Amino acid sequence: MNVHHIEGTSSFDLENLATLCVACHAVLHIGLNLQYEKIGIWASELSQVEIIQLTRSMVKDDWSLDEIRDKLKLSEGPYPPDAMNYASDLIDQMGDSPRAYLDEPLCAVFIDFSRWQIE
């Protein structure tokens, strides 16, 4: 599990912290994870939560990332899957909100990870 700062890293008050799985935390830090080539953004009929749950299950069953992408029936969104435009669009949409979410049907999918990150 990871600890996420809800409204920035300046406060360690419990009200500013949330416990998240590694996959969910990666989604919340989309810009960094796109930059470090850890996730790709795709269009999918599945929700982000379903993507994470299925990916975890398939990784545990030793599926390759290519097999996982094929099984999830992902298609390209308005930009290539590795485009920083997704992070820029989220920043533009956020305004004063401390949280941002990909507009459906977009979802984040791991393209590079260590096994411990997904279990």
PDB file of N, CA and C in Angstrom:
ATOM      1  N   MET A   1       0.846  -1.183   0.000  1.00  0.00           N
ATOM      2  CA  MET A   1       0.000   0.000   0.000  1.00  0.00           C
ATOM      3  C   MET A   1       0.891   1.246   0.000  1.00  0.00           C
ATOM      4  N   ASN A   2       0.372   2.310  -0.605  1.00  0.00           N
ATOM      5  CA  ASN A   2       1.049   3.604  -0.628  1.00  0.00           C
ATOM      6  C   ASN A   2       0.236   4.612   0.149  1.00  0.00           C
ATOM      7  N   VAL A   3       0.904   5.669   0.591  1.00  0.00           N
ATOM      8  CA  VAL A   3       0.221   6.795   1.220  1.00  0.00           C
ATOM      9  C   VAL A   3       0.249   7.945   0.228  1.00  0.00           C
ATOM     10  N   HIS A   4      -0.912   8.487  -0.074  1.00  0.00           N
ATOM     11  CA  HIS A   4      -1.056   9.589  -1.025  1.00  0.00           C
ATOM     12  C   HIS A   4      -1.419  10.866  -0.285  1.00  0.00           C
ATOM     13  N   HIS A   5      -0.731  11.953  -0.623  1.00  0.00           N
ATOM     14  CA  HIS A   5      -1.074  13.271  -0.084  1.00  0.00           C
ATOM     15  C   HIS A   5      -2.210  13.835  -0.931  1.00  0.00           C
ATOM     16  N   ILE A   6      -3.346  14.062  -0.339  1.00  0.00           N
ATOM     17  CA  ILE A   6      -4.531  14.500  -1.073  1.00  0.00           C
ATOM     18  C   ILE A   6      -4.351  15.908  -1.630  1.00  0.00           C
ATOM     19  N   GLU A   7      -3.874  16.825  -0.813  1.00  0.00           N
ATOM     20  CA  GLU A   7      -3.726  18.221  -1.256  1.00  0.00           C
ATOM     21  C   GLU A   7      -2.279  18.684  -1.170  1.00  0.00           C
ATOM     22  N   GLY A   8      -1.350  17.874  -1.632  1.00  0.00           N
ATOM     23  CA  GLY A   8       0.044  18.272  -1.661  1.00  0.00           C
ATOM     24  C   GLY A   8       0.833  17.712  -0.495  1.00  0.00           C
ATOM     25  N   THR A   9       2.143  17.773  -0.622  1.00  0.00           N
ATOM     26  CA  THR A   9       3.035  17.126   0.337  1.00  0.00           C
ATOM     27  C   THR A   9       3.413  17.987   1.530  1.00  0.00           C
ATOM     28  N   SER A  10       2.880  19.183   1.628  1.00  0.00           N
ATOM     29  CA  SER A  10       3.272  20.063   2.735  1.00  0.00           C
ATOM     30  C   SER A  10       2.651  19.662   4.075  1.00  0.00           C
ATOM     31  N   SER A  11       1.572  18.887   4.041  1.00  0.00           N
ATOM     32  CA  SER A  11       0.900  18.497   5.279  1.00  0.00           C
ATOM     33  C   SER A  11       0.876  16.980   5.429  1.00  0.00           C
ATOM     34  N   PHE A  12       1.273  16.520   6.618  1.00  0.00           N
ATOM     35  CA  PHE A  12       1.205  15.103   6.945  1.00  0.00           C
ATOM     36  C   PHE A  12       0.059  14.816   7.907  1.00  0.00           C
ATOM     37  N   ASP A  13      -0.896  15.751   8.016  1.00  0.00           N
ATOM     38  CA  ASP A  13      -2.080  15.531   8.833  1.00  0.00           C
ATOM     39  C   ASP A  13      -2.869  14.364   8.251  1.00  0.00           C
ATOM     40  N   LEU A  14      -3.489  13.571   9.107  1.00  0.00           N
ATOM     41  CA  LEU A  14      -4.240  12.407   8.637  1.00  0.00           C
ATOM     42  C   LEU A  14      -5.321  12.768   7.633  1.00  0.00           C
ATOM     43  N   GLU A  15      -5.910  13.952   7.781  1.00  0.00           N
ATOM     44  CA  GLU A  15      -6.965  14.381   6.851  1.00  0.00           C
ATOM     45  C   GLU A  15      -6.421  14.597   5.436  1.00  0.00           C
ATOM     46  N   ASN A  16      -5.108  14.753   5.315  1.00  0.00           N
ATOM     47  CA  ASN A  16      -4.483  14.990   4.012  1.00  0.00           C
ATOM     48  C   ASN A  16      -3.869  13.718   3.426  1.00  0.00           C
ATOM     49  N   LEU A  17      -4.055  12.588   4.082  1.00  0.00           N
ATOM     50  CA  LEU A  17      -3.442  11.345   3.633  1.00  0.00           C
ATOM     51  C   LEU A  17      -4.499  10.300   3.293  1.00  0.00           C
ATOM     52  N   ALA A  18      -4.216   9.515   2.266  1.00  0.00           N
ATOM     53  CA  ALA A  18      -5.107   8.421   1.878  1.00  0.00           C
ATOM     54  C   ALA A  18      -4.253   7.198   1.580  1.00  0.00           C
ATOM     55  N   THR A  19      -4.699   6.035   2.015  1.00  0.00           N
ATOM     56  CA  THR A  19      -4.009   4.783   1.731  1.00  0.00           C
ATOM     57  C   THR A  19      -4.559   4.227   0.421  1.00  0.00           C
ATOM     58  N   LEU A  20      -3.655   3.947  -0.514  1.00  0.00           N
ATOM     59  CA  LEU A  20      -4.046   3.456  -1.837  1.00  0.00           C
ATOM     60  C   LEU A  20      -3.168   2.282  -2.230  1.00  0.00           C
ATOM     61  N   CYS A  21      -3.692   1.425  -3.078  1.00  0.00           N
ATOM     62  CA  CYS A  21      -2.835   0.398  -3.656  1.00  0.00           C
ATOM     63  C   CYS A  21      -1.875   1.088  -4.629  1.00  0.00           C
ATOM     64  N   VAL A  22      -0.799   0.409  -4.971  1.00  0.00           N
ATOM     65  CA  VAL A  22       0.219   0.989  -5.840  1.00  0.00           C
ATOM     66  C   VAL A  22      -0.373   1.367  -7.195  1.00  0.00           C
ATOM     67  N   ALA A  23      -1.242   0.536  -7.726  1.00  0.00           N
ATOM     68  CA  ALA A  23      -1.832   0.815  -9.037  1.00  0.00           C
ATOM     69  C   ALA A  23      -2.684   2.076  -9.010  1.00  0.00           C
ATOM     70  N   CYS A  24      -3.533   2.215  -8.003  1.00  0.00           N
ATOM     71  CA  CYS A  24      -4.373   3.411  -7.898  1.00  0.00           C
ATOM     72  C   CYS A  24      -3.518   4.662  -7.697  1.00  0.00           C
ATOM     73  N   HIS A  25      -2.451   4.533  -6.913  1.00  0.00           N
ATOM     74  CA  HIS A  25      -1.562   5.664  -6.678  1.00  0.00           C
ATOM     75  C   HIS A  25      -0.881   6.081  -7.981  1.00  0.00           C
ATOM     76  N   ALA A  26      -0.494   5.120  -8.799  1.00  0.00           N
ATOM     77  CA  ALA A  26       0.125   5.429 -10.089  1.00  0.00           C
ATOM     78  C   ALA A  26      -0.821   6.221 -10.979  1.00  0.00           C
ATOM     79  N   VAL A  27      -2.087   5.882 -10.938  1.00  0.00           N
ATOM     80  CA  VAL A  27      -3.076   6.594 -11.744  1.00  0.00           C
ATOM     81  C   VAL A  27      -3.192   8.047 -11.284  1.00  0.00           C
ATOM     82  N   LEU A  28      -3.141   8.274  -9.971  1.00  0.00           N
ATOM     83  CA  LEU A  28      -3.249   9.639  -9.455  1.00  0.00           C
ATOM     84  C   LEU A  28      -2.041  10.499  -9.833  1.00  0.00           C
ATOM     85  N   HIS A  29      -0.911   9.876 -10.110  1.00  0.00           N
ATOM     86  CA  HIS A  29       0.295  10.596 -10.519  1.00  0.00           C
ATOM     87  C   HIS A  29       0.578  10.315 -11.988  1.00  0.00           C
ATOM     88  N   ILE A  30      -0.417  10.561 -12.806  1.00  0.00           N
ATOM     89  CA  ILE A  30      -0.386  10.200 -14.217  1.00  0.00           C
ATOM     90  C   ILE A  30       0.771  10.841 -14.972  1.00  0.00           C
ATOM     91  N   GLY A  31       1.065  12.101 -14.699  1.00  0.00           N
ATOM     92  CA  GLY A  31       2.134  12.789 -15.424  1.00  0.00           C
ATOM     93  C   GLY A  31       3.482  12.129 -15.218  1.00  0.00           C
ATOM     94  N   LEU A  32       3.825  11.876 -13.968  1.00  0.00           N
ATOM     95  CA  LEU A  32       5.101  11.219 -13.673  1.00  0.00           C
ATOM     96  C   LEU A  32       5.157   9.823 -14.268  1.00  0.00           C
ATOM     97  N   ASN A  33       4.072   9.097 -14.167  1.00  0.00           N
ATOM     98  CA  ASN A  33       4.075   7.730 -14.665  1.00  0.00           C
ATOM     99  C   ASN A  33       4.079   7.656 -16.189  1.00  0.00           C
ATOM    100  N   LEU A  34       3.520   8.643 -16.854  1.00  0.00           N
ATOM    101  CA  LEU A  34       3.670   8.726 -18.307  1.00  0.00           C
ATOM    102  C   LEU A  34       5.117   9.068 -18.653  1.00  0.00           C
ATOM    103  N   GLN A  35       5.676  10.037 -17.936  1.00  0.00           N
ATOM    104  CA  GLN A  35       7.052  10.453 -18.180  1.00  0.00           C
ATOM    105  C   GLN A  35       8.026   9.294 -17.992  1.00  0.00           C
ATOM    106  N   TYR A  36       7.832   8.497 -16.953  1.00  0.00           N
ATOM    107  CA  TYR A  36       8.719   7.370 -16.666  1.00  0.00           C
ATOM    108  C   TYR A  36       8.315   6.099 -17.397  1.00  0.00           C
ATOM    109  N   GLU A  37       7.335   6.214 -18.303  1.00  0.00           N
ATOM    110  CA  GLU A  37       6.876   5.107 -19.143  1.00  0.00           C
ATOM    111  C   GLU A  37       6.434   3.898 -18.323  1.00  0.00           C
ATOM    112  N   LYS A  38       5.650   4.163 -17.275  1.00  0.00           N
ATOM    113  CA  LYS A  38       5.117   3.104 -16.418  1.00  0.00           C
ATOM    114  C   LYS A  38       3.675   2.762 -16.769  1.00  0.00           C
ATOM    115  N   ILE A  39       2.941   3.730 -17.324  1.00  0.00           N
ATOM    116  CA  ILE A  39       1.549   3.504 -17.709  1.00  0.00           C
ATOM    117  C   ILE A  39       1.312   4.036 -19.117  1.00  0.00           C
ATOM    118  N   GLY A  40       0.255   3.547 -19.728  1.00  0.00           N
ATOM    119  CA  GLY A  40      -0.237   4.061 -20.988  1.00  0.00           C
ATOM    120  C   GLY A  40      -1.709   4.374 -20.810  1.00  0.00           C
ATOM    121  N   ILE A  41      -2.214   5.323 -21.569  1.00  0.00           N
ATOM    122  CA  ILE A  41      -3.622   5.702 -21.480  1.00  0.00           C
ATOM    123  C   ILE A  41      -4.335   5.146 -22.707  1.00  0.00           C
ATOM    124  N   TRP A  42      -5.404   4.434 -22.451  1.00  0.00           N
ATOM    125  CA  TRP A  42      -6.162   3.759 -23.507  1.00  0.00           C
ATOM    126  C   TRP A  42      -7.648   4.031 -23.316  1.00  0.00           C
ATOM    127  N   ALA A  43      -8.415   3.765 -24.341  1.00  0.00           N
ATOM    128  CA  ALA A  43      -9.872   3.773 -24.234  1.00  0.00           C
ATOM    129  C   ALA A  43     -10.316   2.335 -23.967  1.00  0.00           C
ATOM    130  N   SER A  44     -11.295   2.190 -23.082  1.00  0.00           N
ATOM    131  CA  SER A  44     -11.782   0.858 -22.732  1.00  0.00           C
ATOM    132  C   SER A  44     -13.229   0.940 -22.279  1.00  0.00           C
ATOM    133  N   GLU A  45     -13.962  -0.138 -22.501  1.00  0.00           N
ATOM    134  CA  GLU A  45     -15.332  -0.209 -21.995  1.00  0.00           C
ATOM    135  C   GLU A  45     -15.342  -0.512 -20.498  1.00  0.00           C
ATOM    136  N   LEU A  46     -14.193  -0.934 -19.959  1.00  0.00           N
ATOM    137  CA  LEU A  46     -14.080  -1.259 -18.538  1.00  0.00           C
ATOM    138  C   LEU A  46     -13.732  -0.009 -17.734  1.00  0.00           C
ATOM    139  N   SER A  47     -14.136   0.014 -16.484  1.00  0.00           N
ATOM    140  CA  SER A  47     -13.791   1.133 -15.609  1.00  0.00           C
ATOM    141  C   SER A  47     -12.333   1.000 -15.167  1.00  0.00           C
ATOM    142  N   GLN A  48     -11.777   2.097 -14.620  1.00  0.00           N
ATOM    143  CA  GLN A  48     -10.405   2.058 -14.125  1.00  0.00           C
ATOM    144  C   GLN A  48     -10.249   1.001 -13.036  1.00  0.00           C
ATOM    145  N   VAL A  49     -11.227   0.898 -12.150  1.00  0.00           N
ATOM    146  CA  VAL A  49     -11.159  -0.103 -11.081  1.00  0.00           C
ATOM    147  C   VAL A  49     -11.142  -1.511 -11.671  1.00  0.00           C
ATOM    148  N   GLU A  50     -11.982  -1.771 -12.666  1.00  0.00           N
ATOM    149  CA  GLU A  50     -11.998  -3.094 -13.299  1.00  0.00           C
ATOM    150  C   GLU A  50     -10.664  -3.396 -13.988  1.00  0.00           C
ATOM    151  N   ILE A  51     -10.080  -2.373 -14.626  1.00  0.00           N
ATOM    152  CA  ILE A  51      -8.778  -2.542 -15.287  1.00  0.00           C
ATOM    153  C   ILE A  51      -7.739  -2.976 -14.259  1.00  0.00           C
ATOM    154  N   ILE A  52      -7.695  -2.295 -13.120  1.00  0.00           N
ATOM    155  CA  ILE A  52      -6.715  -2.605 -12.077  1.00  0.00           C
ATOM    156  C   ILE A  52      -6.942  -4.006 -11.527  1.00  0.00           C
ATOM    157  N   GLN A  53      -8.190  -4.347 -11.235  1.00  0.00           N
ATOM    158  CA  GLN A  53      -8.481  -5.669 -10.679  1.00  0.00           C
ATOM    159  C   GLN A  53      -8.107  -6.784 -11.655  1.00  0.00           C
ATOM    160  N   LEU A  54      -8.477  -6.629 -12.911  1.00  0.00           N
ATOM    161  CA  LEU A  54      -8.167  -7.649 -13.902  1.00  0.00           C
ATOM    162  C   LEU A  54      -6.667  -7.758 -14.151  1.00  0.00           C
ATOM    163  N   THR A  55      -5.988  -6.607 -14.210  1.00  0.00           N
ATOM    164  CA  THR A  55      -4.543  -6.624 -14.421  1.00  0.00           C
ATOM    165  C   THR A  55      -3.852  -7.367 -13.288  1.00  0.00           C
ATOM    166  N   ARG A  56      -4.240  -7.081 -12.057  1.00  0.00           N
ATOM    167  CA  ARG A  56      -3.646  -7.791 -10.905  1.00  0.00           C
ATOM    168  C   ARG A  56      -3.829  -9.299 -11.040  1.00  0.00           C
ATOM    169  N   SER A  57      -5.035  -9.707 -11.362  1.00  0.00           N
ATOM    170  CA  SER A  57      -5.342 -11.128 -11.481  1.00  0.00           C
ATOM    171  C   SER A  57      -4.519 -11.778 -12.592  1.00  0.00           C
ATOM    172  N   MET A  58      -4.431 -11.105 -13.733  1.00  0.00           N
ATOM    173  CA  MET A  58      -3.701 -11.683 -14.868  1.00  0.00           C
ATOM    174  C   MET A  58      -2.200 -11.721 -14.606  1.00  0.00           C
ATOM    175  N   VAL A  59      -1.659 -10.711 -13.924  1.00  0.00           N
ATOM    176  CA  VAL A  59      -0.234 -10.726 -13.582  1.00  0.00           C
ATOM    177  C   VAL A  59       0.065 -11.900 -12.657  1.00  0.00           C
ATOM    178  N   LYS A  60      -0.809 -12.116 -11.691  1.00  0.00           N
ATOM    179  CA  LYS A  60      -0.610 -13.249 -10.775  1.00  0.00           C
ATOM    180  C   LYS A  60      -0.641 -14.580 -11.511  1.00  0.00           C
ATOM    181  N   ASP A  61      -1.375 -14.624 -12.634  1.00  0.00           N
ATOM    182  CA  ASP A  61      -1.447 -15.840 -13.441  1.00  0.00           C
ATOM    183  C   ASP A  61      -0.373 -15.863 -14.538  1.00  0.00           C
ATOM    184  N   ASP A  62       0.612 -14.942 -14.423  1.00  0.00           N
ATOM    185  CA  ASP A  62       1.766 -14.871 -15.334  1.00  0.00           C
ATOM    186  C   ASP A  62       1.430 -14.506 -16.773  1.00  0.00           C
ATOM    187  N   TRP A  63       0.402 -13.701 -16.974  1.00  0.00           N
ATOM    188  CA  TRP A  63       0.108 -13.181 -18.308  1.00  0.00           C
ATOM    189  C   TRP A  63       1.144 -12.117 -18.642  1.00  0.00           C
ATOM    190  N   SER A  64       1.506 -12.001 -19.907  1.00  0.00           N
ATOM    191  CA  SER A  64       2.398 -10.928 -20.350  1.00  0.00           C
ATOM    192  C   SER A  64       1.574  -9.642 -20.496  1.00  0.00           C
ATOM    193  N   LEU A  65       2.274  -8.500 -20.534  1.00  0.00           N
ATOM    194  CA  LEU A  65       1.555  -7.228 -20.714  1.00  0.00           C
ATOM    195  C   LEU A  65       0.837  -7.182 -22.058  1.00  0.00           C
ATOM    196  N   ASP A  66       1.420  -7.772 -23.099  1.00  0.00           N
ATOM    197  CA  ASP A  66       0.742  -7.814 -24.400  1.00  0.00           C
ATOM    198  C   ASP A  66      -0.536  -8.638 -24.316  1.00  0.00           C
ATOM    199  N   GLU A  67      -0.482  -9.774 -23.628  1.00  0.00           N
ATOM    200  CA  GLU A  67      -1.681 -10.608 -23.460  1.00  0.00           C
ATOM    201  C   GLU A  67      -2.753  -9.862 -22.666  1.00  0.00           C
ATOM    202  N   ILE A  68      -2.320  -9.141 -21.652  1.00  0.00           N
ATOM    203  CA  ILE A  68      -3.274  -8.368 -20.834  1.00  0.00           C
ATOM    204  C   ILE A  68      -3.952  -7.304 -21.689  1.00  0.00           C
ATOM    205  N   ARG A  69      -3.174  -6.558 -22.456  1.00  0.00           N
ATOM    206  CA  ARG A  69      -3.763  -5.510 -23.318  1.00  0.00           C
ATOM    207  C   ARG A  69      -4.758  -6.113 -24.301  1.00  0.00           C
ATOM    208  N   ASP A  70      -4.398  -7.259 -24.893  1.00  0.00           N
ATOM    209  CA  ASP A  70      -5.310  -7.917 -25.833  1.00  0.00           C
ATOM    210  C   ASP A  70      -6.606  -8.332 -25.138  1.00  0.00           C
ATOM    211  N   LYS A  71      -6.498  -8.901 -23.959  1.00  0.00           N
ATOM    212  CA  LYS A  71      -7.673  -9.370 -23.218  1.00  0.00           C
ATOM    213  C   LYS A  71      -8.579  -8.208 -22.817  1.00  0.00           C
ATOM    214  N   LEU A  72      -7.990  -7.061 -22.481  1.00  0.00           N
ATOM    215  CA  LEU A  72      -8.780  -5.904 -22.051  1.00  0.00           C
ATOM    216  C   LEU A  72      -9.431  -5.166 -23.220  1.00  0.00           C
ATOM    217  N   LYS A  73      -9.091  -5.557 -24.457  1.00  0.00           N
ATOM    218  CA  LYS A  73      -9.668  -4.954 -25.665  1.00  0.00           C
ATOM    219  C   LYS A  73      -9.530  -3.434 -25.638  1.00  0.00           C
ATOM    220  N   LEU A  74      -8.301  -2.979 -25.473  1.00  0.00           N
ATOM    221  CA  LEU A  74      -8.015  -1.548 -25.406  1.00  0.00           C
ATOM    222  C   LEU A  74      -7.914  -0.963 -26.803  1.00  0.00           C
ATOM    223  N   SER A  75      -8.322   0.285 -26.932  1.00  0.00           N
ATOM    224  CA  SER A  75      -8.153   1.006 -28.188  1.00  0.00           C
ATOM    225  C   SER A  75      -7.545   2.370 -27.894  1.00  0.00           C
ATOM    226  N   GLU A  76      -6.957   2.960 -28.911  1.00  0.00           N
ATOM    227  CA  GLU A  76      -6.286   4.244 -28.712  1.00  0.00           C
ATOM    228  C   GLU A  76      -7.303   5.348 -28.458  1.00  0.00           C
ATOM    229  N   GLY A  77      -6.967   6.228 -27.531  1.00  0.00           N
ATOM    230  CA  GLY A  77      -7.796   7.394 -27.229  1.00  0.00           C
ATOM    231  C   GLY A  77      -7.480   8.524 -28.198  1.00  0.00           C
ATOM    232  N   PRO A  78      -7.740   9.770 -27.806  1.00  0.00           N
ATOM    233  CA  PRO A  78      -7.500  10.897 -28.717  1.00  0.00           C
ATOM    234  C   PRO A  78      -6.016  11.169 -28.974  1.00  0.00           C
ATOM    235  N   TYR A  79      -5.130  10.646 -28.134  1.00  0.00           N
ATOM    236  CA  TYR A  79      -3.687  10.789 -28.297  1.00  0.00           C
ATOM    237  C   TYR A  79      -3.062   9.396 -28.246  1.00  0.00           C
ATOM    238  N   PRO A  80      -1.797   9.280 -28.644  1.00  0.00           N
ATOM    239  CA  PRO A  80      -1.107   8.000 -28.444  1.00  0.00           C
ATOM    240  C   PRO A  80      -1.076   7.644 -26.957  1.00  0.00           C
ATOM    241  N   PRO A  81      -0.998   6.360 -26.607  1.00  0.00           N
ATOM    242  CA  PRO A  81      -1.059   5.936 -25.209  1.00  0.00           C
ATOM    243  C   PRO A  81       0.003   6.553 -24.295  1.00  0.00           C
ATOM    244  N   ASP A  82       1.123   6.992 -24.854  1.00  0.00           N
ATOM    245  CA  ASP A  82       2.198   7.549 -24.027  1.00  0.00           C
ATOM    246  C   ASP A  82       2.255   9.076 -24.051  1.00  0.00           C
ATOM    247  N   ALA A  83       1.238   9.723 -24.595  1.00  0.00           N
ATOM    248  CA  ALA A  83       1.253  11.177 -24.771  1.00  0.00           C
ATOM    249  C   ALA A  83       1.064  11.929 -23.456  1.00  0.00           C
ATOM    250  N   MET A  84       1.942  12.884 -23.203  1.00  0.00           N
ATOM    251  CA  MET A  84       1.827  13.732 -22.015  1.00  0.00           C
ATOM    252  C   MET A  84       0.593  14.643 -22.104  1.00  0.00           C
ATOM    253  N   ASN A  85      -0.024  14.706 -23.276  1.00  0.00           N
ATOM    254  CA  ASN A  85      -1.237  15.509 -23.438  1.00  0.00           C
ATOM    255  C   ASN A  85      -2.310  15.108 -22.434  1.00  0.00           C
ATOM    256  N   TYR A  86      -2.345  13.820 -22.070  1.00  0.00           N
ATOM    257  CA  TYR A  86      -3.348  13.360 -21.105  1.00  0.00           C
ATOM    258  C   TYR A  86      -3.146  14.057 -19.754  1.00  0.00           C
ATOM    259  N   ALA A  87      -1.899  14.148 -19.308  1.00  0.00           N
ATOM    260  CA  ALA A  87      -1.610  14.827 -18.040  1.00  0.00           C
ATOM    261  C   ALA A  87      -1.924  16.310 -18.156  1.00  0.00           C
ATOM    262  N   SER A  88      -1.558  16.935 -19.275  1.00  0.00           N
ATOM    263  CA  SER A  88      -1.834  18.360 -19.480  1.00  0.00           C
ATOM    264  C   SER A  88      -3.332  18.632 -19.477  1.00  0.00           C
ATOM    265  N   ASP A  89      -4.089  17.775 -20.142  1.00  0.00           N
ATOM    266  CA  ASP A  89      -5.551  17.940 -20.167  1.00  0.00           C
ATOM    267  C   ASP A  89      -6.133  17.850 -18.761  1.00  0.00           C
ATOM    268  N   LEU A  90      -5.620  16.915 -17.946  1.00  0.00           N
ATOM    269  CA  LEU A  90      -6.118  16.780 -16.576  1.00  0.00           C
ATOM    270  C   LEU A  90      -5.831  18.029 -15.758  1.00  0.00           C
ATOM    271  N   ILE A  91      -4.643  18.575 -15.900  1.00  0.00           N
ATOM    272  CA  ILE A  91      -4.298  19.798 -15.171  1.00  0.00           C
ATOM    273  C   ILE A  91      -5.241  20.921 -15.564  1.00  0.00           C
ATOM    274  N   ASP A  92      -5.521  21.041 -16.860  1.00  0.00           N
ATOM    275  CA  ASP A  92      -6.444  22.082 -17.332  1.00  0.00           C
ATOM    276  C   ASP A  92      -7.849  21.896 -16.761  1.00  0.00           C
ATOM    277  N   GLN A  93      -8.302  20.649 -16.616  1.00  0.00           N
ATOM    278  CA  GLN A  93      -9.650  20.355 -16.129  1.00  0.00           C
ATOM    279  C   GLN A  93      -9.791  20.500 -14.616  1.00  0.00           C
ATOM    280  N   MET A  94      -8.679  20.356 -13.892  1.00  0.00           N
ATOM    281  CA  MET A  94      -8.737  20.312 -12.434  1.00  0.00           C
ATOM    282  C   MET A  94      -9.190  21.614 -11.782  1.00  0.00           C
ATOM    283  N   GLY A  95      -8.747  22.738 -12.283  1.00  0.00           N
ATOM    284  CA  GLY A  95      -9.044  23.990 -11.595  1.00  0.00           C
ATOM    285  C   GLY A  95      -8.441  23.959 -10.199  1.00  0.00           C
ATOM    286  N   ASP A  96      -9.265  24.227  -9.171  1.00  0.00           N
ATOM    287  CA  ASP A  96      -8.797  24.220  -7.785  1.00  0.00           C
ATOM    288  C   ASP A  96      -8.963  22.865  -7.104  1.00  0.00           C
ATOM    289  N   SER A  97      -9.480  21.895  -7.803  1.00  0.00           N
ATOM    290  CA  SER A  97      -9.710  20.579  -7.211  1.00  0.00           C
ATOM    291  C   SER A  97      -8.388  19.855  -6.952  1.00  0.00           C
ATOM    292  N   PRO A  98      -8.252  19.173  -5.808  1.00  0.00           N
ATOM    293  CA  PRO A  98      -7.023  18.426  -5.540  1.00  0.00           C
ATOM    294  C   PRO A  98      -6.976  17.068  -6.233  1.00  0.00           C
ATOM    295  N   ARG A  99      -8.036  16.706  -6.917  1.00  0.00           N
ATOM    296  CA  ARG A  99      -8.095  15.397  -7.576  1.00  0.00           C
ATOM    297  C   ARG A  99      -8.470  15.556  -9.037  1.00  0.00           C
ATOM    298  N   ALA A 100      -8.017  14.584  -9.812  1.00  0.00           N
ATOM    299  CA  ALA A 100      -8.338  14.574 -11.235  1.00  0.00           C
ATOM    300  C   ALA A 100      -8.606  13.134 -11.663  1.00  0.00           C
ATOM    301  N   TYR A 101      -9.488  12.976 -12.606  1.00  0.00           N
ATOM    302  CA  TYR A 101      -9.840  11.656 -13.106  1.00  0.00           C
ATOM    303  C   TYR A 101      -9.858  11.688 -14.623  1.00  0.00           C
ATOM    304  N   LEU A 102      -9.478  10.589 -15.231  1.00  0.00           N
ATOM    305  CA  LEU A 102      -9.573  10.476 -16.677  1.00  0.00           C
ATOM    306  C   LEU A 102     -11.042  10.399 -17.067  1.00  0.00           C
ATOM    307  N   ASP A 103     -11.399  11.099 -18.134  1.00  0.00           N
ATOM    308  CA  ASP A 103     -12.764  11.012 -18.633  1.00  0.00           C
ATOM    309  C   ASP A 103     -12.985   9.636 -19.242  1.00  0.00           C
ATOM    310  N   GLU A 104     -14.100   9.003 -18.887  1.00  0.00           N
ATOM    311  CA  GLU A 104     -14.423   7.716 -19.503  1.00  0.00           C
ATOM    312  C   GLU A 104     -14.616   7.932 -20.989  1.00  0.00           C
ATOM    313  N   PRO A 105     -14.192   7.046 -21.827  1.00  0.00           N
ATOM    314  CA  PRO A 105     -13.781   5.672 -21.566  1.00  0.00           C
ATOM    315  C   PRO A 105     -12.274   5.506 -21.370  1.00  0.00           C
ATOM    316  N   LEU A 106     -11.538   6.588 -21.055  1.00  0.00           N
ATOM    317  CA  LEU A 106     -10.093   6.488 -20.899  1.00  0.00           C
ATOM    318  C   LEU A 106      -9.724   5.806 -19.589  1.00  0.00           C
ATOM    319  N   CYS A 107      -8.626   5.060 -19.609  1.00  0.00           N
ATOM    320  CA  CYS A 107      -8.127   4.386 -18.415  1.00  0.00           C
ATOM    321  C   CYS A 107      -6.612   4.286 -18.516  1.00  0.00           C
ATOM    322  N   ALA A 108      -5.974   4.121 -17.379  1.00  0.00           N
ATOM    323  CA  ALA A 108      -4.524   3.935 -17.332  1.00  0.00           C
ATOM    324  C   ALA A 108      -4.225   2.451 -17.188  1.00  0.00           C
ATOM    325  N   VAL A 109      -3.235   1.988 -17.931  1.00  0.00           N
ATOM    326  CA  VAL A 109      -2.845   0.587 -17.900  1.00  0.00           C
ATOM    327  C   VAL A 109      -1.330   0.535 -17.728  1.00  0.00           C
ATOM    328  N   PHE A 110      -0.845  -0.293 -16.784  1.00  0.00           N
ATOM    329  CA  PHE A 110       0.587  -0.443 -16.591  1.00  0.00           C
ATOM    330  C   PHE A 110       1.231  -1.022 -17.841  1.00  0.00           C
ATOM    331  N   ILE A 111       2.349  -0.436 -18.242  1.00  0.00           N
ATOM    332  CA  ILE A 111       3.130  -0.981 -19.352  1.00  0.00           C
ATOM    333  C   ILE A 111       4.508  -1.421 -18.886  1.00  0.00           C
ATOM    334  N   ASP A 112       4.869  -1.056 -17.657  1.00  0.00           N
ATOM    335  CA  ASP A 112       6.139  -1.468 -17.079  1.00  0.00           C
ATOM    336  C   ASP A 112       5.993  -1.414 -15.564  1.00  0.00           C
ATOM    337  N   PHE A 113       6.290  -2.505 -14.916  1.00  0.00           N
ATOM    338  CA  PHE A 113       6.198  -2.527 -13.465  1.00  0.00           C
ATOM    339  C   PHE A 113       6.983  -3.697 -12.919  1.00  0.00           C
ATOM    340  N   SER A 114       7.285  -3.603 -11.657  1.00  0.00           N
ATOM    341  CA  SER A 114       7.855  -4.735 -10.944  1.00  0.00           C
ATOM    342  C   SER A 114       6.680  -5.508 -10.350  1.00  0.00           C
ATOM    343  N   ARG A 115       6.832  -6.793 -10.212  1.00  0.00           N
ATOM    344  CA  ARG A 115       5.728  -7.632  -9.720  1.00  0.00           C
ATOM    345  C   ARG A 115       5.172  -7.130  -8.397  1.00  0.00           C
ATOM    346  N   TRP A 116       6.016  -6.635  -7.479  1.00  0.00           N
ATOM    347  CA  TRP A 116       5.534  -6.160  -6.178  1.00  0.00           C
ATOM    348  C   TRP A 116       4.579  -4.986  -6.308  1.00  0.00           C
ATOM    349  N   GLN A 117       4.681  -4.234  -7.408  1.00  0.00           N
ATOM    350  CA  GLN A 117       3.839  -3.050  -7.562  1.00  0.00           C
ATOM    351  C   GLN A 117       2.373  -3.396  -7.816  1.00  0.00           C
ATOM    352  N   ILE A 118       2.108  -4.570  -8.313  1.00  0.00           N
ATOM    353  CA  ILE A 118       0.748  -4.898  -8.720  1.00  0.00           C
ATOM    354  C   ILE A 118       0.084  -5.882  -7.769  1.00  0.00           C
ATOM    355  N   GLU A 119       0.841  -6.535  -6.900  1.00  0.00           N
ATOM    356  CA  GLU A 119       0.245  -7.538  -6.006  1.00  0.00           C
ATOM    357  C   GLU A 119      -0.264  -6.939  -4.724  1.00  0.00           C
TER     358      GLU A 119
END
